[in-house]
Amino acid sequence: MSATGKILAGKTAWVTGAASGIGEATALALSRAGATVALTGRRLEPLEQLAARIASEGGEAIVAPADVADVAAIERALALLVGRSLDIVVSNAGTNIPDRSWSKLTPDSVDLLLDANLRGALQLSRAVLPVMQAQGGGVLIHIGSLAAHVLSAGPGPVYTAAKSGVVAMSHAINIEHGVHGIRSCVLSPGDTLTPLMDKRPVKMSDEVRARMLRPEDIAGLVLHVATLPPHVCVNEIIVTPTSLV
């Protein structure tokens, strides 16, 4: 631990999907632990608001807007971090849509869901792995979903397939890059109260919402994984709300 008493002091973390929900909570948790946090998302205004909040708490944030499915945008965001270590990458960007069943999917909506939930994670990982390898290590934490393990109609076939792909991708990173000191972990939460829940085809009751996990619950797990000793690799964590197991 550093002289400041903050376990991540001197570290740099990059969080995608940082504008709201799990990403926002994670960025705050990492900053409060001492990390400089790069904030990525498609919407500039909420990123700037979050950066201002972090600064007001005495932290440091770098606003790096990008759509993770846009390779050039990822590279531009990564360029803002040149000269820094890249110790932690939290791949959180993702989405779903109301018209998610087979009968309502279109070619464009399939592409949208795959881009946001799988292709973006792949391209982000591809971009940061050489940086982490050159510096001798790093941690990638991917926000997956319980949908990859407990199959149901609710999340829709494309979202389910994409999140299953994220699990496979993360294991593949460990197989190839564990020898380079790089660790990859998937956090697969059950229902979590984020803006994504507003896109469900059927509106949920306040009672159901009250029983869900909170973004801060997942952020706490991210911080736990990010601060484990370098020789410890947690491949995946599945977490559910106790009342909805």
C-alpha atoms as a PDB file:
ATOM      1  CA  MET A   1       0.000   0.000   0.000  1.00  0.00           C
ATOM      2  CA  SER A   2       1.271   3.500  -0.828  1.00  0.00           C
ATOM      3  CA  ALA A   3       2.128   6.253   1.608  1.00  0.00           C
ATOM      4  CA  THR A   4      -1.319   7.742   0.965  1.00  0.00           C
ATOM      5  CA  GLY A   5      -2.953   4.629   2.385  1.00  0.00           C
ATOM      6  CA  LYS A   6      -4.778   3.988  -0.879  1.00  0.00           C
ATOM      7  CA  ILE A   7      -4.184   0.545  -2.312  1.00  0.00           C
ATOM      8  CA  LEU A   8      -4.351   1.632  -5.983  1.00  0.00           C
ATOM      9  CA  ALA A   9      -2.324   4.836  -5.683  1.00  0.00           C
ATOM     10  CA  GLY A  10      -0.097   5.236  -8.734  1.00  0.00           C
ATOM     11  CA  LYS A  11      -2.209   2.848 -10.805  1.00  0.00           C
ATOM     12  CA  THR A  12      -4.248   3.661 -13.906  1.00  0.00           C
ATOM     13  CA  ALA A  13      -7.612   2.054 -14.591  1.00  0.00           C
ATOM     14  CA  TRP A  14      -9.670   2.299 -17.783  1.00  0.00           C
ATOM     15  CA  VAL A  15     -13.422   1.811 -17.440  1.00  0.00           C
ATOM     16  CA  THR A  16     -15.738   1.525 -20.438  1.00  0.00           C
ATOM     17  CA  GLY A  17     -19.453   2.105 -20.179  1.00  0.00           C
ATOM     18  CA  ALA A  18     -18.538   4.558 -17.432  1.00  0.00           C
ATOM     19  CA  ALA A  19     -21.413   6.990 -17.909  1.00  0.00           C
ATOM     20  CA  SER A  20     -23.892   5.169 -15.679  1.00  0.00           C
ATOM     21  CA  GLY A  21     -24.727   2.028 -13.736  1.00  0.00           C
ATOM     22  CA  ILE A  22     -21.972  -0.474 -13.008  1.00  0.00           C
ATOM     23  CA  GLY A  23     -19.384   1.512 -14.948  1.00  0.00           C
ATOM     24  CA  GLU A  24     -20.008   4.700 -13.008  1.00  0.00           C
ATOM     25  CA  ALA A  25     -19.970   2.905  -9.657  1.00  0.00           C
ATOM     26  CA  THR A  26     -16.777   1.083 -10.628  1.00  0.00           C
ATOM     27  CA  ALA A  27     -15.003   4.257 -11.694  1.00  0.00           C
ATOM     28  CA  LEU A  28     -15.836   5.853  -8.348  1.00  0.00           C
ATOM     29  CA  ALA A  29     -14.685   2.796  -6.389  1.00  0.00           C
ATOM     30  CA  LEU A  30     -11.361   2.595  -8.228  1.00  0.00           C
ATOM     31  CA  SER A  31     -10.775   6.322  -7.868  1.00  0.00           C
ATOM     32  CA  ARG A  32     -11.507   6.214  -4.144  1.00  0.00           C
ATOM     33  CA  ALA A  33      -8.921   3.435  -3.884  1.00  0.00           C
ATOM     34  CA  GLY A  34      -6.346   5.790  -5.399  1.00  0.00           C
ATOM     35  CA  ALA A  35      -6.315   4.936  -9.107  1.00  0.00           C
ATOM     36  CA  THR A  36      -6.330   7.456 -11.909  1.00  0.00           C
ATOM     37  CA  VAL A  37      -9.405   6.484 -13.909  1.00  0.00           C
ATOM     38  CA  ALA A  38      -9.937   6.860 -17.653  1.00  0.00           C
ATOM     39  CA  LEU A  39     -13.640   7.153 -18.432  1.00  0.00           C
ATOM     40  CA  THR A  40     -14.998   5.856 -21.721  1.00  0.00           C
ATOM     41  CA  GLY A  41     -18.524   5.885 -23.084  1.00  0.00           C
ATOM     42  CA  ARG A  42     -20.441   7.193 -26.055  1.00  0.00           C
ATOM     43  CA  ARG A  43     -21.959  10.220 -24.278  1.00  0.00           C
ATOM     44  CA  LEU A  44     -19.535  13.001 -23.407  1.00  0.00           C
ATOM     45  CA  GLU A  45     -21.650  14.987 -20.941  1.00  0.00           C
ATOM     46  CA  PRO A  46     -22.137  12.279 -18.281  1.00  0.00           C
ATOM     47  CA  LEU A  47     -18.446  11.376 -18.536  1.00  0.00           C
ATOM     48  CA  GLU A  48     -17.508  14.983 -17.853  1.00  0.00           C
ATOM     49  CA  GLN A  49     -19.932  15.098 -14.928  1.00  0.00           C
ATOM     50  CA  LEU A  50     -18.400  11.946 -13.472  1.00  0.00           C
ATOM     51  CA  ALA A  51     -14.883  13.317 -13.964  1.00  0.00           C
ATOM     52  CA  ALA A  52     -15.906  16.468 -12.106  1.00  0.00           C
ATOM     53  CA  ARG A  53     -17.301  14.384  -9.246  1.00  0.00           C
ATOM     54  CA  ILE A  54     -14.080  12.379  -9.040  1.00  0.00           C
ATOM     55  CA  ALA A  55     -12.043  15.597  -9.020  1.00  0.00           C
ATOM     56  CA  SER A  56     -14.250  17.015  -6.248  1.00  0.00           C
ATOM     57  CA  GLU A  57     -13.334  13.969  -4.156  1.00  0.00           C
ATOM     58  CA  GLY A  58      -9.634  14.552  -4.749  1.00  0.00           C
ATOM     59  CA  GLY A  59      -9.214  11.973  -7.507  1.00  0.00           C
ATOM     60  CA  GLU A  60      -7.966  12.183 -11.077  1.00  0.00           C
ATOM     61  CA  ALA A  61     -10.001  11.226 -14.133  1.00  0.00           C
ATOM     62  CA  ILE A  62      -9.306  11.260 -17.854  1.00  0.00           C
ATOM     63  CA  VAL A  63     -12.310  11.681 -20.142  1.00  0.00           C
ATOM     64  CA  ALA A  64     -11.848   9.421 -23.166  1.00  0.00           C
ATOM     65  CA  PRO A  65     -15.151   9.178 -25.068  1.00  0.00           C
ATOM     66  CA  ALA A  66     -15.494   6.298 -27.519  1.00  0.00           C
ATOM     67  CA  ASP A  67     -17.857   3.691 -28.869  1.00  0.00           C
ATOM     68  CA  VAL A  68     -16.061   0.449 -28.038  1.00  0.00           C
ATOM     69  CA  ALA A  69     -17.315  -1.124 -31.262  1.00  0.00           C
ATOM     70  CA  ASP A  70     -15.394   1.555 -33.204  1.00  0.00           C
ATOM     71  CA  VAL A  71     -11.790   0.376 -33.506  1.00  0.00           C
ATOM     72  CA  ALA A  72     -10.451   3.808 -34.413  1.00  0.00           C
ATOM     73  CA  ALA A  73     -12.231   5.357 -31.429  1.00  0.00           C
ATOM     74  CA  ILE A  74     -10.698   2.771 -29.086  1.00  0.00           C
ATOM     75  CA  GLU A  75      -7.240   3.560 -30.428  1.00  0.00           C
ATOM     76  CA  ARG A  76      -7.828   7.309 -29.945  1.00  0.00           C
ATOM     77  CA  ALA A  77      -8.927   6.740 -26.367  1.00  0.00           C
ATOM     78  CA  LEU A  78      -5.932   4.503 -25.697  1.00  0.00           C
ATOM     79  CA  ALA A  79      -3.632   7.201 -27.079  1.00  0.00           C
ATOM     80  CA  LEU A  80      -4.753   9.484 -24.238  1.00  0.00           C
ATOM     81  CA  LEU A  81      -3.116   7.048 -21.820  1.00  0.00           C
ATOM     82  CA  VAL A  82       0.298   6.936 -23.486  1.00  0.00           C
ATOM     83  CA  GLY A  83       3.020   7.455 -20.910  1.00  0.00           C
ATOM     84  CA  ARG A  84       1.000   5.866 -18.133  1.00  0.00           C
ATOM     85  CA  SER A  85       0.861   2.308 -16.933  1.00  0.00           C
ATOM     86  CA  LEU A  86      -2.365   0.540 -17.849  1.00  0.00           C
ATOM     87  CA  ASP A  87      -2.904  -1.579 -14.782  1.00  0.00           C
ATOM     88  CA  ILE A  88      -6.644  -2.285 -14.810  1.00  0.00           C
ATOM     89  CA  VAL A  89      -9.126  -2.404 -17.680  1.00  0.00           C
ATOM     90  CA  VAL A  90     -12.812  -2.830 -16.887  1.00  0.00           C
ATOM     91  CA  SER A  91     -14.774  -3.792 -19.986  1.00  0.00           C
ATOM     92  CA  ASN A  92     -18.289  -2.862 -18.965  1.00  0.00           C
ATOM     93  CA  ALA A  93     -19.895  -1.351 -22.064  1.00  0.00           C
ATOM     94  CA  GLY A  94     -22.983  -3.235 -23.184  1.00  0.00           C
ATOM     95  CA  THR A  95     -26.656  -2.931 -23.989  1.00  0.00           C
ATOM     96  CA  ASN A  96     -29.867  -4.759 -24.741  1.00  0.00           C
ATOM     97  CA  ILE A  97     -33.080  -3.854 -26.538  1.00  0.00           C
ATOM     98  CA  PRO A  98     -36.794  -4.415 -25.921  1.00  0.00           C
ATOM     99  CA  ASP A  99     -37.277  -6.252 -29.243  1.00  0.00           C
ATOM    100  CA  ARG A 100     -34.869  -9.041 -28.374  1.00  0.00           C
ATOM    101  CA  SER A 101     -36.824 -12.220 -29.179  1.00  0.00           C
ATOM    102  CA  TRP A 102     -36.134 -14.212 -32.358  1.00  0.00           C
ATOM    103  CA  SER A 103     -39.355 -13.008 -33.969  1.00  0.00           C
ATOM    104  CA  LYS A 104     -38.450  -9.345 -33.488  1.00  0.00           C
ATOM    105  CA  LEU A 105     -34.727  -9.334 -34.252  1.00  0.00           C
ATOM    106  CA  THR A 106     -33.480  -7.642 -37.414  1.00  0.00           C
ATOM    107  CA  PRO A 107     -30.065  -7.808 -39.086  1.00  0.00           C
ATOM    108  CA  ASP A 108     -29.284  -4.349 -37.712  1.00  0.00           C
ATOM    109  CA  SER A 109     -30.348  -5.167 -34.160  1.00  0.00           C
ATOM    110  CA  VAL A 110     -28.269  -8.357 -34.195  1.00  0.00           C
ATOM    111  CA  ASP A 111     -25.236  -6.313 -35.247  1.00  0.00           C
ATOM    112  CA  LEU A 112     -25.949  -3.702 -32.569  1.00  0.00           C
ATOM    113  CA  LEU A 113     -26.121  -6.293 -29.795  1.00  0.00           C
ATOM    114  CA  LEU A 114     -23.036  -8.194 -30.942  1.00  0.00           C
ATOM    115  CA  ASP A 115     -21.058  -4.968 -31.348  1.00  0.00           C
ATOM    116  CA  ALA A 116     -21.954  -3.644 -27.904  1.00  0.00           C
ATOM    117  CA  ASN A 117     -21.728  -6.875 -25.928  1.00  0.00           C
ATOM    118  CA  LEU A 118     -19.005  -8.954 -27.617  1.00  0.00           C
ATOM    119  CA  ARG A 119     -17.172  -7.246 -30.449  1.00  0.00           C
ATOM    120  CA  GLY A 120     -16.391  -4.205 -28.309  1.00  0.00           C
ATOM    121  CA  ALA A 121     -14.936  -6.394 -25.562  1.00  0.00           C
ATOM    122  CA  LEU A 122     -12.839  -8.280 -28.096  1.00  0.00           C
ATOM    123  CA  GLN A 123     -11.499  -5.128 -29.740  1.00  0.00           C
ATOM    124  CA  LEU A 124     -10.771  -3.472 -26.411  1.00  0.00           C
ATOM    125  CA  SER A 125      -8.871  -6.550 -25.233  1.00  0.00           C
ATOM    126  CA  ARG A 126      -6.961  -6.764 -28.510  1.00  0.00           C
ATOM    127  CA  ALA A 127      -5.909  -3.134 -28.122  1.00  0.00           C
ATOM    128  CA  VAL A 128      -4.727  -3.286 -24.505  1.00  0.00           C
ATOM    129  CA  LEU A 129      -3.055  -6.698 -24.370  1.00  0.00           C
ATOM    130  CA  PRO A 130       0.156  -5.572 -26.131  1.00  0.00           C
ATOM    131  CA  VAL A 131       0.429  -2.640 -23.714  1.00  0.00           C
ATOM    132  CA  MET A 132       0.017  -4.897 -20.699  1.00  0.00           C
ATOM    133  CA  GLN A 133       2.438  -7.455 -22.090  1.00  0.00           C
ATOM    134  CA  ALA A 134       5.088  -4.786 -22.669  1.00  0.00           C
ATOM    135  CA  GLN A 135       4.777  -3.504 -19.094  1.00  0.00           C
ATOM    136  CA  GLY A 136       4.829  -6.994 -17.583  1.00  0.00           C
ATOM    137  CA  GLY A 137       1.236  -7.471 -16.509  1.00  0.00           C
ATOM    138  CA  GLY A 138      -2.214  -6.088 -15.866  1.00  0.00           C
ATOM    139  CA  VAL A 139      -5.769  -7.046 -15.006  1.00  0.00           C
ATOM    140  CA  LEU A 140      -8.738  -7.192 -17.375  1.00  0.00           C
ATOM    141  CA  ILE A 141     -12.176  -7.403 -15.782  1.00  0.00           C
ATOM    142  CA  HIS A 142     -15.127  -8.026 -18.073  1.00  0.00           C
ATOM    143  CA  ILE A 143     -18.683  -7.439 -16.903  1.00  0.00           C
ATOM    144  CA  GLY A 144     -20.554 -10.459 -18.195  1.00  0.00           C
ATOM    145  CA  SER A 145     -23.948 -11.786 -17.197  1.00  0.00           C
ATOM    146  CA  LEU A 146     -25.612 -14.679 -15.446  1.00  0.00           C
ATOM    147  CA  ALA A 147     -27.327 -15.147 -18.817  1.00  0.00           C
ATOM    148  CA  ALA A 148     -24.182 -16.926 -20.012  1.00  0.00           C
ATOM    149  CA  HIS A 149     -24.835 -19.707 -17.502  1.00  0.00           C
ATOM    150  CA  VAL A 150     -28.551 -19.758 -16.719  1.00  0.00           C
ATOM    151  CA  LEU A 151     -30.347 -19.892 -20.039  1.00  0.00           C
ATOM    152  CA  SER A 152     -33.765 -18.283 -20.314  1.00  0.00           C
ATOM    153  CA  ALA A 153     -35.801 -16.320 -22.821  1.00  0.00           C
ATOM    154  CA  GLY A 154     -35.524 -13.101 -20.820  1.00  0.00           C
ATOM    155  CA  PRO A 155     -32.195 -11.654 -22.005  1.00  0.00           C
ATOM    156  CA  GLY A 156     -32.772 -12.704 -25.615  1.00  0.00           C
ATOM    157  CA  PRO A 157     -30.682 -15.018 -27.809  1.00  0.00           C
ATOM    158  CA  VAL A 158     -28.138 -12.490 -29.070  1.00  0.00           C
ATOM    159  CA  TYR A 159     -27.339 -11.000 -25.666  1.00  0.00           C
ATOM    160  CA  THR A 160     -27.031 -14.509 -24.216  1.00  0.00           C
ATOM    161  CA  ALA A 161     -24.721 -15.638 -27.024  1.00  0.00           C
ATOM    162  CA  ALA A 162     -22.606 -12.494 -26.733  1.00  0.00           C
ATOM    163  CA  LYS A 163     -22.108 -12.799 -22.982  1.00  0.00           C
ATOM    164  CA  SER A 164     -21.238 -16.484 -23.404  1.00  0.00           C
ATOM    165  CA  GLY A 165     -18.623 -15.361 -25.894  1.00  0.00           C
ATOM    166  CA  VAL A 166     -17.148 -12.943 -23.355  1.00  0.00           C
ATOM    167  CA  VAL A 167     -16.572 -15.833 -20.931  1.00  0.00           C
ATOM    168  CA  ALA A 168     -14.792 -17.858 -23.621  1.00  0.00           C
ATOM    169  CA  MET A 169     -12.752 -14.827 -24.674  1.00  0.00           C
ATOM    170  CA  SER A 170     -11.584 -14.183 -21.124  1.00  0.00           C
ATOM    171  CA  HIS A 171     -10.466 -17.785 -20.648  1.00  0.00           C
ATOM    172  CA  ALA A 172      -8.578 -17.552 -23.954  1.00  0.00           C
ATOM    173  CA  ILE A 173      -6.755 -14.463 -22.684  1.00  0.00           C
ATOM    174  CA  ASN A 174      -5.610 -16.340 -19.587  1.00  0.00           C
ATOM    175  CA  ILE A 175      -4.467 -19.332 -21.632  1.00  0.00           C
ATOM    176  CA  GLU A 176      -2.280 -17.200 -23.892  1.00  0.00           C
ATOM    177  CA  HIS A 177      -1.275 -14.293 -21.673  1.00  0.00           C
ATOM    178  CA  GLY A 178      -1.119 -15.650 -18.133  1.00  0.00           C
ATOM    179  CA  VAL A 179       2.560 -16.315 -18.750  1.00  0.00           C
ATOM    180  CA  HIS A 180       2.965 -12.565 -19.369  1.00  0.00           C
ATOM    181  CA  GLY A 181       1.532 -11.630 -15.982  1.00  0.00           C
ATOM    182  CA  ILE A 182      -1.857 -10.703 -17.421  1.00  0.00           C
ATOM    183  CA  ARG A 183      -4.989 -11.847 -15.623  1.00  0.00           C
ATOM    184  CA  SER A 184      -8.504 -11.815 -17.040  1.00  0.00           C
ATOM    185  CA  CYS A 185     -11.697 -12.221 -15.036  1.00  0.00           C
ATOM    186  CA  VAL A 186     -15.391 -12.191 -15.915  1.00  0.00           C
ATOM    187  CA  LEU A 187     -17.883 -10.945 -13.359  1.00  0.00           C
ATOM    188  CA  SER A 188     -21.234 -12.500 -14.228  1.00  0.00           C
ATOM    189  CA  PRO A 189     -23.974 -10.817 -12.209  1.00  0.00           C
ATOM    190  CA  GLY A 190     -27.616 -11.676 -12.028  1.00  0.00           C
ATOM    191  CA  ASP A 191     -30.246  -8.945 -12.147  1.00  0.00           C
ATOM    192  CA  THR A 192     -28.635  -5.618 -11.277  1.00  0.00           C
ATOM    193  CA  LEU A 193     -30.527  -2.342 -10.975  1.00  0.00           C
ATOM    194  CA  THR A 194     -29.034  -0.328 -13.826  1.00  0.00           C
ATOM    195  CA  PRO A 195     -30.525   1.678 -16.708  1.00  0.00           C
ATOM    196  CA  LEU A 196     -30.347  -1.529 -18.782  1.00  0.00           C
ATOM    197  CA  MET A 197     -33.336  -2.809 -16.828  1.00  0.00           C
ATOM    198  CA  ASP A 198     -35.489  -0.079 -18.352  1.00  0.00           C
ATOM    199  CA  LYS A 199     -35.077  -1.786 -21.735  1.00  0.00           C
ATOM    200  CA  ARG A 200     -36.816  -4.990 -20.704  1.00  0.00           C
ATOM    201  CA  PRO A 201     -39.875  -5.843 -22.816  1.00  0.00           C
ATOM    202  CA  VAL A 202     -42.047  -6.096 -19.690  1.00  0.00           C
ATOM    203  CA  LYS A 203     -41.876  -3.416 -17.016  1.00  0.00           C
ATOM    204  CA  MET A 204     -40.739  -4.674 -13.622  1.00  0.00           C
ATOM    205  CA  SER A 205     -42.475  -3.885 -10.375  1.00  0.00           C
ATOM    206  CA  ASP A 206     -40.848  -1.772  -7.686  1.00  0.00           C
ATOM    207  CA  GLU A 207     -40.796  -4.875  -5.491  1.00  0.00           C
ATOM    208  CA  VAL A 208     -38.711  -6.806  -8.021  1.00  0.00           C
ATOM    209  CA  ARG A 209     -36.351  -3.864  -8.496  1.00  0.00           C
ATOM    210  CA  ALA A 210     -35.836  -3.588  -4.753  1.00  0.00           C
ATOM    211  CA  ARG A 211     -34.506  -7.143  -4.595  1.00  0.00           C
ATOM    212  CA  MET A 212     -31.889  -6.678  -7.316  1.00  0.00           C
ATOM    213  CA  LEU A 213     -28.163  -6.239  -6.927  1.00  0.00           C
ATOM    214  CA  ARG A 214     -26.896  -2.662  -6.971  1.00  0.00           C
ATOM    215  CA  PRO A 215     -24.112  -1.290  -9.184  1.00  0.00           C
ATOM    216  CA  GLU A 216     -22.042  -0.700  -6.055  1.00  0.00           C
ATOM    217  CA  ASP A 217     -22.171  -4.431  -5.298  1.00  0.00           C
ATOM    218  CA  ILE A 218     -20.468  -5.194  -8.602  1.00  0.00           C
ATOM    219  CA  ALA A 219     -18.034  -2.303  -8.202  1.00  0.00           C
ATOM    220  CA  GLY A 220     -16.920  -3.824  -4.907  1.00  0.00           C
ATOM    221  CA  LEU A 221     -16.152  -7.094  -6.660  1.00  0.00           C
ATOM    222  CA  VAL A 222     -14.199  -5.267  -9.364  1.00  0.00           C
ATOM    223  CA  LEU A 223     -12.093  -3.602  -6.688  1.00  0.00           C
ATOM    224  CA  HIS A 224     -11.523  -6.953  -4.981  1.00  0.00           C
ATOM    225  CA  VAL A 225     -10.304  -8.617  -8.186  1.00  0.00           C
ATOM    226  CA  ALA A 226      -8.187  -5.601  -9.131  1.00  0.00           C
ATOM    227  CA  THR A 227      -6.328  -5.669  -5.818  1.00  0.00           C
ATOM    228  CA  LEU A 228      -5.539  -9.373  -5.583  1.00  0.00           C
ATOM    229  CA  PRO A 229      -1.851 -10.395  -5.549  1.00  0.00           C
ATOM    230  CA  PRO A 230      -0.298 -10.672  -9.038  1.00  0.00           C
ATOM    231  CA  HIS A 231       0.012 -14.459  -8.797  1.00  0.00           C
ATOM    232  CA  VAL A 232      -3.739 -14.891  -8.209  1.00  0.00           C
ATOM    233  CA  CYS A 233      -6.073 -15.182 -11.198  1.00  0.00           C
ATOM    234  CA  VAL A 234      -9.812 -15.423 -10.594  1.00  0.00           C
ATOM    235  CA  ASN A 235     -11.248 -16.663 -13.865  1.00  0.00           C
ATOM    236  CA  GLU A 236     -14.884 -15.878 -13.176  1.00  0.00           C
ATOM    237  CA  ILE A 237     -17.227 -14.784 -10.416  1.00  0.00           C
ATOM    238  CA  ILE A 238     -20.950 -15.490 -10.614  1.00  0.00           C
ATOM    239  CA  VAL A 239     -22.989 -13.300  -8.276  1.00  0.00           C
ATOM    240  CA  THR A 240     -26.742 -13.176  -7.719  1.00  0.00           C
ATOM    241  CA  PRO A 241     -29.120 -11.372  -5.395  1.00  0.00           C
ATOM    242  CA  THR A 242     -30.064 -13.745  -2.579  1.00  0.00           C
ATOM    243  CA  SER A 243     -33.792 -13.319  -3.163  1.00  0.00           C
ATOM    244  CA  LEU A 244     -33.606 -14.066  -6.882  1.00  0.00           C
ATOM    245  CA  VAL A 245     -31.302 -17.107  -6.974  1.00  0.00           C
END
